[in-house]
């Protein structure tokens, strides 16, 4: 037997060993890919959580209380940043957690309300003969569905509170029924409608 014939078995690859090595490499690649994907998903979830809690979140309109400005099924972006730097302004559409008056009626923190800010702390508010008065001055409200069919005696908004009303004045569970809204209950400012596409834009 020649020298080359004696060395040939050692020079040939072992098929079984080769297959095991290939499988191990494939498993390592699979688990590395799974780890990378898991990291990506975790980061995406974290970013989504931070954005939702601190920056903005989507909201769905379930009732007609803000008609005609907002309709049932509208979807909005509620931004949460601006009120960290300034107070709520007249006319802002705010989303808020139910105040204690509503929670005592069975509403929970998860049942967010949406209304328009009409008066802020220290201002007087009244409704007479279908007209809303702030600091004894009639408001020109082109956004409402119809004039309110109720009267409200003049009252002063206490510190740290808001007086809010729905644009659908006669079909809105708002401050004229349950009183003042603590500013601490405000979640954010309804800034943008992204659905339906036919009415997309600022609100």
Protein backbone atom coordinates (compact mmCIF):
# COMPACT_ATOMS: atom_id res chain seq x y z
CA UNK A 1 0.00 0.00 0.00
CA UNK A 2 1.41 3.36 -0.97
CA UNK A 3 2.03 6.24 1.40
CA UNK A 4 -0.68 8.32 -0.25
CA UNK A 5 -3.21 5.54 0.28
CA UNK A 6 -2.31 5.37 3.98
CA UNK A 7 -2.85 9.13 4.50
CA UNK A 8 -6.09 9.45 2.50
CA UNK A 9 -8.51 8.47 5.34
CA UNK A 10 -7.09 11.25 7.57
CA UNK A 11 -7.30 13.79 4.79
CA UNK A 12 -10.97 13.13 4.05
CA UNK A 13 -13.67 15.05 5.99
CA UNK A 14 -15.90 13.14 8.37
CA UNK A 15 -19.48 13.56 6.98
CA UNK A 16 -21.12 13.10 10.40
CA UNK A 17 -18.81 15.61 12.08
CA UNK A 18 -19.34 18.05 9.22
CA UNK A 19 -23.13 17.77 9.55
CA UNK A 20 -23.04 18.34 13.32
CA UNK A 21 -20.90 21.42 12.88
CA UNK A 22 -23.25 22.81 10.27
CA UNK A 23 -26.31 22.21 12.50
CA UNK A 24 -24.59 23.88 15.44
CA UNK A 25 -23.78 26.90 13.30
CA UNK A 26 -27.38 27.10 12.04
CA UNK A 27 -28.72 26.88 15.62
CA UNK A 28 -26.32 29.61 16.74
CA UNK A 29 -27.47 31.83 13.86
CA UNK A 30 -31.13 31.13 14.69
CA UNK A 31 -30.77 31.99 18.37
CA UNK A 32 -28.72 35.09 17.57
CA UNK A 33 -31.42 36.23 15.15
CA UNK A 34 -34.10 35.53 17.74
CA UNK A 35 -32.15 37.52 20.33
CA UNK A 36 -31.70 40.45 17.94
CA UNK A 37 -35.40 40.43 17.02
CA UNK A 38 -36.40 40.24 20.68
CA UNK A 39 -34.18 43.23 21.46
CA UNK A 40 -35.71 45.19 18.59
CA UNK A 41 -39.27 44.40 19.73
CA UNK A 42 -38.44 45.30 23.34
CA UNK A 43 -36.98 48.66 22.28
CA UNK A 44 -39.99 49.36 20.05
CA UNK A 45 -42.38 48.55 22.91
CA UNK A 46 -40.42 50.76 25.29
CA UNK A 47 -40.45 53.67 22.85
CA UNK A 48 -44.19 53.16 22.25
CA UNK A 49 -44.82 53.14 26.01
CA UNK A 50 -42.79 56.32 26.58
CA UNK A 51 -44.52 58.11 23.72
CA UNK A 52 -47.99 57.08 24.93
CA UNK A 53 -47.38 58.00 28.57
CA UNK A 54 -45.40 61.21 28.16
CA UNK A 55 -45.81 62.59 24.63
CA UNK A 56 -48.97 61.63 22.76
CA UNK A 57 -51.60 58.95 22.37
CA UNK A 58 -54.46 58.12 20.01
CA UNK A 59 -58.07 58.51 21.17
CA UNK A 60 -61.43 57.44 19.78
CA UNK A 61 -64.60 59.58 19.97
CA UNK A 62 -67.46 57.43 21.34
CA UNK A 63 -70.26 60.01 21.66
CA UNK A 64 -71.87 63.09 20.10
CA UNK A 65 -71.04 65.45 22.97
CA UNK A 66 -68.52 67.39 20.85
CA UNK A 67 -70.59 67.46 17.65
CA UNK A 68 -70.25 69.14 15.16
CA UNK A 69 -66.51 69.65 15.84
CA UNK A 70 -65.96 65.94 16.50
CA UNK A 71 -68.11 63.04 15.39
CA UNK A 72 -68.54 59.48 16.61
CA UNK A 73 -65.70 57.37 15.26
CA UNK A 74 -63.23 60.22 14.84
CA UNK A 75 -59.71 59.31 15.88
CA UNK A 76 -57.44 61.93 17.38
CA UNK A 77 -53.88 62.46 18.50
CA UNK A 78 -53.83 63.78 22.06
CA UNK A 79 -50.55 65.53 22.82
CA UNK A 80 -49.34 65.64 26.42
CA UNK A 81 -46.35 67.95 26.26
CA UNK A 82 -47.61 71.52 25.85
CA UNK A 83 -49.43 71.76 29.19
CA UNK A 84 -46.14 71.10 30.94
CA UNK A 85 -45.06 74.54 29.73
CA UNK A 86 -48.28 76.58 29.72
CA UNK A 87 -51.80 76.56 31.13
CA UNK A 88 -54.90 75.40 29.31
CA UNK A 89 -56.15 78.11 26.95
CA UNK A 90 -59.70 79.19 26.24
CA UNK A 91 -61.17 77.02 23.53
CA UNK A 92 -58.70 74.16 23.89
CA UNK A 93 -60.27 70.74 23.43
CA UNK A 94 -59.00 68.74 26.39
CA UNK A 95 -59.09 65.05 27.22
CA UNK A 96 -59.36 64.26 30.91
CA UNK A 97 -59.99 61.58 33.49
CA UNK A 98 -63.39 61.79 35.17
CA UNK A 99 -63.34 64.09 38.22
CA UNK A 100 -64.49 62.80 41.63
CA UNK A 101 -68.09 63.89 40.91
CA UNK A 102 -68.25 61.49 37.96
CA UNK A 103 -66.27 58.71 39.61
CA UNK A 104 -68.84 58.69 42.39
CA UNK A 105 -71.39 57.88 39.67
CA UNK A 106 -69.43 54.84 38.54
CA UNK A 107 -67.10 56.27 35.91
CA UNK A 108 -63.49 55.05 36.05
CA UNK A 109 -60.10 56.55 35.13
CA UNK A 110 -60.14 54.50 31.93
CA UNK A 111 -63.26 56.31 30.68
CA UNK A 112 -61.68 59.51 29.43
CA UNK A 113 -63.87 62.51 28.60
CA UNK A 114 -63.30 65.17 25.95
CA UNK A 115 -64.67 68.75 26.21
CA UNK A 116 -63.80 72.32 25.35
CA UNK A 117 -62.22 74.58 27.99
CA UNK A 118 -64.50 77.59 28.42
CA UNK A 119 -63.23 79.26 31.60
CA UNK A 120 -60.13 78.98 33.76
CA UNK A 121 -59.33 79.63 37.42
CA UNK A 122 -60.58 82.97 38.76
CA UNK A 123 -62.99 83.62 35.89
CA UNK A 124 -66.77 83.80 36.19
CA UNK A 125 -69.05 81.73 34.01
CA UNK A 126 -72.81 81.94 33.42
CA UNK A 127 -75.42 80.86 30.88
CA UNK A 128 -78.46 83.03 30.20
CA UNK A 129 -81.00 82.94 27.39
CA UNK A 130 -78.86 80.62 25.28
CA UNK A 131 -75.68 82.65 25.67
CA UNK A 132 -72.54 81.71 27.60
CA UNK A 133 -70.94 84.58 29.52
CA UNK A 134 -67.34 84.59 30.71
CA UNK A 135 -66.45 87.45 33.04
CA UNK A 136 -69.82 88.98 32.12
CA UNK A 137 -68.90 89.05 28.43
CA UNK A 138 -70.95 87.03 25.91
CA UNK A 139 -68.97 84.45 23.99
CA UNK A 140 -69.17 84.20 20.24
CA UNK A 141 -69.26 80.45 19.69
CA UNK A 142 -69.44 79.44 16.06
CA UNK A 143 -68.45 75.85 16.84
CA UNK A 144 -71.53 74.76 18.82
CA UNK A 145 -74.34 72.55 17.49
CA UNK A 146 -77.08 74.76 18.96
CA UNK A 147 -77.65 77.31 21.69
CA UNK A 148 -77.88 75.85 25.21
CA UNK A 149 -81.48 75.42 26.34
CA UNK A 150 -80.62 75.87 30.03
CA UNK A 151 -79.52 78.69 32.31
CA UNK A 152 -76.64 78.67 34.76
CA UNK A 153 -76.19 81.17 37.55
CA UNK A 154 -72.89 83.03 37.61
CA UNK A 155 -70.10 81.21 39.43
CA UNK A 156 -66.37 81.62 39.81
CA UNK A 157 -63.96 78.90 38.72
CA UNK A 158 -61.85 77.93 41.77
CA UNK A 159 -58.02 77.74 41.75
CA UNK A 160 -56.56 74.79 39.88
CA UNK A 161 -59.81 74.13 38.02
CA UNK A 162 -61.48 74.52 34.65
CA UNK A 163 -65.03 74.91 33.41
CA UNK A 164 -65.51 72.66 30.37
CA UNK A 165 -68.42 72.19 27.99
CA UNK A 166 -69.25 70.00 25.01
CA UNK A 167 -69.90 71.70 21.68
CA UNK A 168 -73.17 69.79 21.50
CA UNK A 169 -74.43 71.89 24.39
CA UNK A 170 -77.77 70.15 24.90
CA UNK A 171 -76.34 66.65 24.71
CA UNK A 172 -73.19 66.86 26.80
CA UNK A 173 -72.35 65.60 30.28
CA UNK A 174 -70.10 68.50 31.23
CA UNK A 175 -69.35 71.17 33.84
CA UNK A 176 -72.85 72.65 33.70
CA UNK A 177 -74.03 69.33 35.19
CA UNK A 178 -71.24 68.11 37.46
CA UNK A 179 -69.19 71.23 38.20
CA UNK A 180 -65.54 72.14 37.87
CA UNK A 181 -62.74 70.01 36.47
CA UNK A 182 -59.46 69.78 38.41
CA UNK A 183 -56.62 70.66 36.05
CA UNK A 184 -54.69 67.70 37.44
CA UNK A 185 -57.22 65.42 35.70
CA UNK A 186 -56.29 66.73 32.26
CA UNK A 187 -54.53 64.09 30.16
CA UNK A 188 -53.72 66.30 27.21
CA UNK A 189 -54.79 68.51 24.35
CA UNK A 190 -56.69 67.05 21.37
CA UNK A 191 -54.47 68.38 18.61
CA UNK A 192 -54.99 66.43 15.41
CA UNK A 193 -57.66 64.25 13.77
CA UNK A 194 -56.11 61.44 11.71
CA UNK A 195 -59.33 59.59 10.89
CA UNK A 196 -61.42 59.74 8.78
CA UNK A 197 -59.12 60.83 6.00
CA UNK A 198 -61.83 63.05 4.56
CA UNK A 199 -61.62 65.28 7.66
CA UNK A 200 -57.97 64.89 8.58
CA UNK A 201 -56.34 67.93 10.18
CA UNK A 202 -56.03 70.05 13.32
CA UNK A 203 -58.99 70.29 15.69
